[in-house]
N, C-alpha and C. Protein backbone atom coordinates (compact mmCIF):
# COMPACT_ATOMS: atom_id res chain seq x y z
N MET A 1 96.09 98.80 81.44
CA MET A 1 96.28 98.51 82.85
C MET A 1 95.53 99.55 83.67
N GLU A 2 94.81 99.10 84.64
CA GLU A 2 94.01 99.97 85.50
C GLU A 2 94.91 100.69 86.50
N HIS A 3 94.70 102.00 86.65
CA HIS A 3 95.50 102.80 87.58
C HIS A 3 94.89 102.75 88.98
N SER A 4 95.75 102.61 89.97
CA SER A 4 95.29 102.57 91.35
C SER A 4 96.03 103.62 92.16
N ASN A 5 95.28 104.33 93.01
CA ASN A 5 95.89 105.33 93.89
C ASN A 5 96.35 104.71 95.19
N ALA A 6 96.11 103.44 95.39
CA ALA A 6 96.47 102.77 96.64
C ALA A 6 97.98 102.58 96.72
N PHE A 7 98.50 102.81 97.88
CA PHE A 7 99.92 102.56 98.14
C PHE A 7 100.16 101.05 98.03
N PRO A 8 101.22 100.61 97.34
CA PRO A 8 101.43 99.16 97.14
C PRO A 8 101.44 98.36 98.44
N LEU A 9 101.97 98.93 99.52
CA LEU A 9 102.00 98.21 100.79
C LEU A 9 100.60 97.93 101.30
N GLU A 10 99.67 98.88 101.07
CA GLU A 10 98.29 98.68 101.50
C GLU A 10 97.66 97.48 100.79
N ILE A 11 97.94 97.37 99.51
CA ILE A 11 97.40 96.25 98.73
C ILE A 11 98.00 94.94 99.25
N PHE A 12 99.31 94.92 99.46
CA PHE A 12 100.01 93.74 99.96
C PHE A 12 99.45 93.32 101.31
N CYS A 13 99.32 94.27 102.23
CA CYS A 13 98.83 93.96 103.58
C CYS A 13 97.39 93.46 103.54
N GLU A 14 96.57 94.05 102.73
CA GLU A 14 95.17 93.64 102.68
C GLU A 14 95.06 92.19 102.23
N LYS A 15 95.85 91.80 101.25
CA LYS A 15 95.75 90.45 100.72
C LYS A 15 96.37 89.41 101.66
N LEU A 16 97.47 89.76 102.32
CA LEU A 16 98.18 88.77 103.10
C LEU A 16 97.86 88.76 104.58
N VAL A 17 97.41 89.87 105.12
CA VAL A 17 97.19 89.92 106.56
C VAL A 17 95.73 89.98 106.92
N PHE A 18 95.00 90.89 106.33
CA PHE A 18 93.65 91.15 106.79
C PHE A 18 92.64 90.06 106.43
N HIS A 19 92.97 89.21 105.49
CA HIS A 19 92.03 88.15 105.12
C HIS A 19 92.43 86.79 105.65
N GLN A 20 93.49 86.75 106.44
CA GLN A 20 93.93 85.48 107.01
C GLN A 20 93.13 85.16 108.26
N LYS A 21 92.95 83.91 108.48
CA LYS A 21 92.27 83.45 109.70
C LYS A 21 93.31 83.29 110.80
N LEU A 22 92.88 83.56 112.01
CA LEU A 22 93.71 83.35 113.19
C LEU A 22 93.35 81.99 113.77
N ILE A 23 94.33 81.20 114.14
CA ILE A 23 94.10 79.92 114.78
C ILE A 23 94.26 80.16 116.28
N LEU A 24 93.28 79.74 117.06
CA LEU A 24 93.31 79.97 118.50
C LEU A 24 93.37 78.66 119.28
N TYR A 25 94.16 78.69 120.35
CA TYR A 25 94.30 77.56 121.26
C TYR A 25 94.13 78.03 122.69
N ARG A 26 93.58 77.15 123.52
CA ARG A 26 93.51 77.36 124.97
C ARG A 26 93.83 76.03 125.64
N ASP A 27 94.81 76.04 126.53
CA ASP A 27 95.20 74.84 127.27
C ASP A 27 95.43 73.63 126.35
N ALA A 28 96.19 73.86 125.30
CA ALA A 28 96.56 72.81 124.33
C ALA A 28 95.36 72.25 123.55
N VAL A 29 94.25 72.97 123.54
CA VAL A 29 93.06 72.55 122.79
C VAL A 29 92.78 73.60 121.72
N ARG A 30 92.65 73.15 120.48
CA ARG A 30 92.36 74.06 119.39
C ARG A 30 90.91 74.54 119.51
N LEU A 31 90.75 75.86 119.53
CA LEU A 31 89.41 76.43 119.63
C LEU A 31 88.78 76.65 118.26
N GLY A 32 89.61 76.93 117.27
CA GLY A 32 89.09 77.15 115.92
C GLY A 32 89.86 78.21 115.18
N GLU A 33 89.33 78.58 114.01
CA GLU A 33 89.93 79.60 113.15
C GLU A 33 88.90 80.67 112.86
N TRP A 34 89.31 81.93 113.05
CA TRP A 34 88.41 83.04 112.78
C TRP A 34 89.18 84.21 112.21
N ALA A 35 88.48 85.09 111.51
CA ALA A 35 89.04 86.36 111.06
C ALA A 35 89.22 87.25 112.29
N GLU A 36 90.10 88.23 112.20
CA GLU A 36 90.40 89.08 113.35
C GLU A 36 89.16 89.77 113.90
N ASP A 37 88.29 90.26 113.03
CA ASP A 37 87.08 90.94 113.53
C ASP A 37 86.17 89.96 114.27
N GLU A 38 86.14 88.71 113.84
CA GLU A 38 85.35 87.69 114.54
C GLU A 38 85.96 87.38 115.91
N VAL A 39 87.30 87.35 115.97
CA VAL A 39 87.98 87.11 117.24
C VAL A 39 87.65 88.23 118.22
N ARG A 40 87.66 89.46 117.75
CA ARG A 40 87.33 90.61 118.61
C ARG A 40 85.89 90.50 119.12
N ASP A 41 84.98 90.10 118.25
CA ASP A 41 83.58 89.92 118.66
C ASP A 41 83.44 88.80 119.70
N LEU A 42 84.11 87.68 119.47
CA LEU A 42 84.05 86.56 120.42
C LEU A 42 84.63 86.96 121.77
N PHE A 43 85.70 87.76 121.75
CA PHE A 43 86.28 88.23 123.00
C PHE A 43 85.30 89.16 123.72
N ALA A 44 84.67 90.05 122.97
CA ALA A 44 83.70 90.98 123.56
C ALA A 44 82.53 90.24 124.18
N GLU A 45 82.18 89.09 123.62
CA GLU A 45 81.09 88.27 124.16
C GLU A 45 81.53 87.41 125.34
N GLY A 46 82.81 87.47 125.66
CA GLY A 46 83.33 86.71 126.80
C GLY A 46 83.68 85.27 126.48
N LEU A 47 83.74 84.91 125.21
CA LEU A 47 84.02 83.52 124.83
C LEU A 47 85.51 83.24 124.69
N LEU A 48 86.32 84.28 124.56
CA LEU A 48 87.77 84.13 124.47
C LEU A 48 88.41 84.87 125.63
N HIS A 49 89.62 84.44 125.98
CA HIS A 49 90.35 85.04 127.10
C HIS A 49 91.66 85.65 126.60
N LEU A 50 92.14 86.68 127.28
CA LEU A 50 93.40 87.30 126.91
C LEU A 50 94.56 86.32 126.98
N SER A 51 94.41 85.28 127.78
CA SER A 51 95.46 84.27 127.92
C SER A 51 95.42 83.19 126.84
N ASP A 52 94.40 83.18 125.99
CA ASP A 52 94.36 82.25 124.86
C ASP A 52 95.49 82.62 123.91
N TYR A 53 95.94 81.65 123.12
CA TYR A 53 97.03 81.90 122.17
C TYR A 53 96.50 81.89 120.75
N TYR A 54 97.14 82.71 119.90
CA TYR A 54 96.76 82.75 118.49
C TYR A 54 97.99 82.68 117.61
N TRP A 55 97.78 82.30 116.37
CA TRP A 55 98.82 82.24 115.35
C TRP A 55 98.18 82.45 114.01
N GLN A 56 98.94 83.07 113.11
CA GLN A 56 98.51 83.17 111.71
C GLN A 56 99.74 83.04 110.82
N LYS A 57 99.52 82.70 109.58
CA LYS A 57 100.62 82.50 108.65
C LYS A 57 101.54 83.71 108.65
N GLY A 58 102.82 83.45 108.73
CA GLY A 58 103.80 84.52 108.74
C GLY A 58 104.36 84.82 110.12
N MET A 59 103.67 84.37 111.17
CA MET A 59 104.16 84.58 112.53
C MET A 59 105.22 83.53 112.84
N LYS A 60 106.26 83.93 113.58
CA LYS A 60 107.32 82.99 113.95
C LYS A 60 106.89 82.09 115.09
N GLU A 61 106.06 82.60 115.99
CA GLU A 61 105.62 81.80 117.13
C GLU A 61 104.24 82.24 117.58
N TRP A 62 103.63 81.42 118.42
CA TRP A 62 102.32 81.73 118.98
C TRP A 62 102.43 82.94 119.90
N ALA A 63 101.35 83.69 120.02
CA ALA A 63 101.32 84.86 120.90
C ALA A 63 100.03 84.85 121.70
N PRO A 64 100.06 85.40 122.92
CA PRO A 64 98.82 85.49 123.69
C PRO A 64 97.87 86.48 123.02
N LEU A 65 96.61 86.19 123.10
CA LEU A 65 95.58 87.05 122.49
C LEU A 65 95.68 88.47 123.01
N GLN A 66 96.20 88.63 124.20
CA GLN A 66 96.38 89.96 124.78
C GLN A 66 97.21 90.85 123.86
N CYS A 67 98.20 90.30 123.16
CA CYS A 67 99.03 91.08 122.24
C CYS A 67 98.21 91.63 121.08
N LEU A 68 97.26 90.88 120.61
CA LEU A 68 96.42 91.30 119.50
C LEU A 68 95.35 92.29 119.95
N LEU A 69 94.81 92.10 121.12
CA LEU A 69 93.66 92.88 121.56
C LEU A 69 94.02 94.08 122.43
N SER A 70 95.29 94.26 122.74
CA SER A 70 95.67 95.39 123.58
C SER A 70 95.46 96.69 122.82
N PRO A 71 95.14 97.78 123.53
CA PRO A 71 94.96 99.08 122.86
C PRO A 71 96.19 99.50 122.08
N GLN A 72 97.36 99.09 122.52
CA GLN A 72 98.60 99.44 121.85
C GLN A 72 98.66 98.84 120.44
N SER A 73 98.03 97.68 120.23
CA SER A 73 98.10 97.02 118.92
C SER A 73 97.35 97.78 117.85
N LYS A 74 96.49 98.74 118.23
CA LYS A 74 95.75 99.51 117.23
C LYS A 74 96.48 100.78 116.80
N GLN A 75 97.65 101.06 117.38
CA GLN A 75 98.39 102.25 117.03
C GLN A 75 98.90 102.14 115.59
N ASN A 76 99.01 103.29 114.97
CA ASN A 76 99.54 103.35 113.62
C ASN A 76 101.03 103.08 113.68
N ILE A 77 101.51 102.06 112.96
CA ILE A 77 102.92 101.72 113.01
C ILE A 77 103.79 102.82 112.44
N PHE A 78 103.24 103.68 111.60
CA PHE A 78 104.03 104.75 111.00
C PHE A 78 104.18 105.95 111.92
N SER A 79 103.43 106.01 113.02
CA SER A 79 103.52 107.15 113.94
C SER A 79 104.62 106.96 114.98
N LYS A 80 105.21 105.78 115.08
CA LYS A 80 106.26 105.52 116.06
C LYS A 80 107.50 106.32 115.68
N GLY A 81 108.10 106.91 116.69
CA GLY A 81 109.35 107.62 116.49
C GLY A 81 109.19 109.02 115.95
N LEU A 82 107.97 109.51 115.82
CA LEU A 82 107.77 110.88 115.32
C LEU A 82 107.79 111.86 116.44
């Protein structure tokens, strides 16, 4: 068995979260599915709006793109409460 120095949660997150496509909607119209880095690029190009909604597997409900793209969303979740 190959030894890995990676924390098990990192492996789990990489497989289940980082490779999933986000489904985007605007005004009840499906815009498409993209990886998170592609969504960030499309937003930077002005093709997506903070008011657009996104969803990915595992989410309970749709969320505005603003939640994903806000500076707060890039904070390390392990630094909270320190």
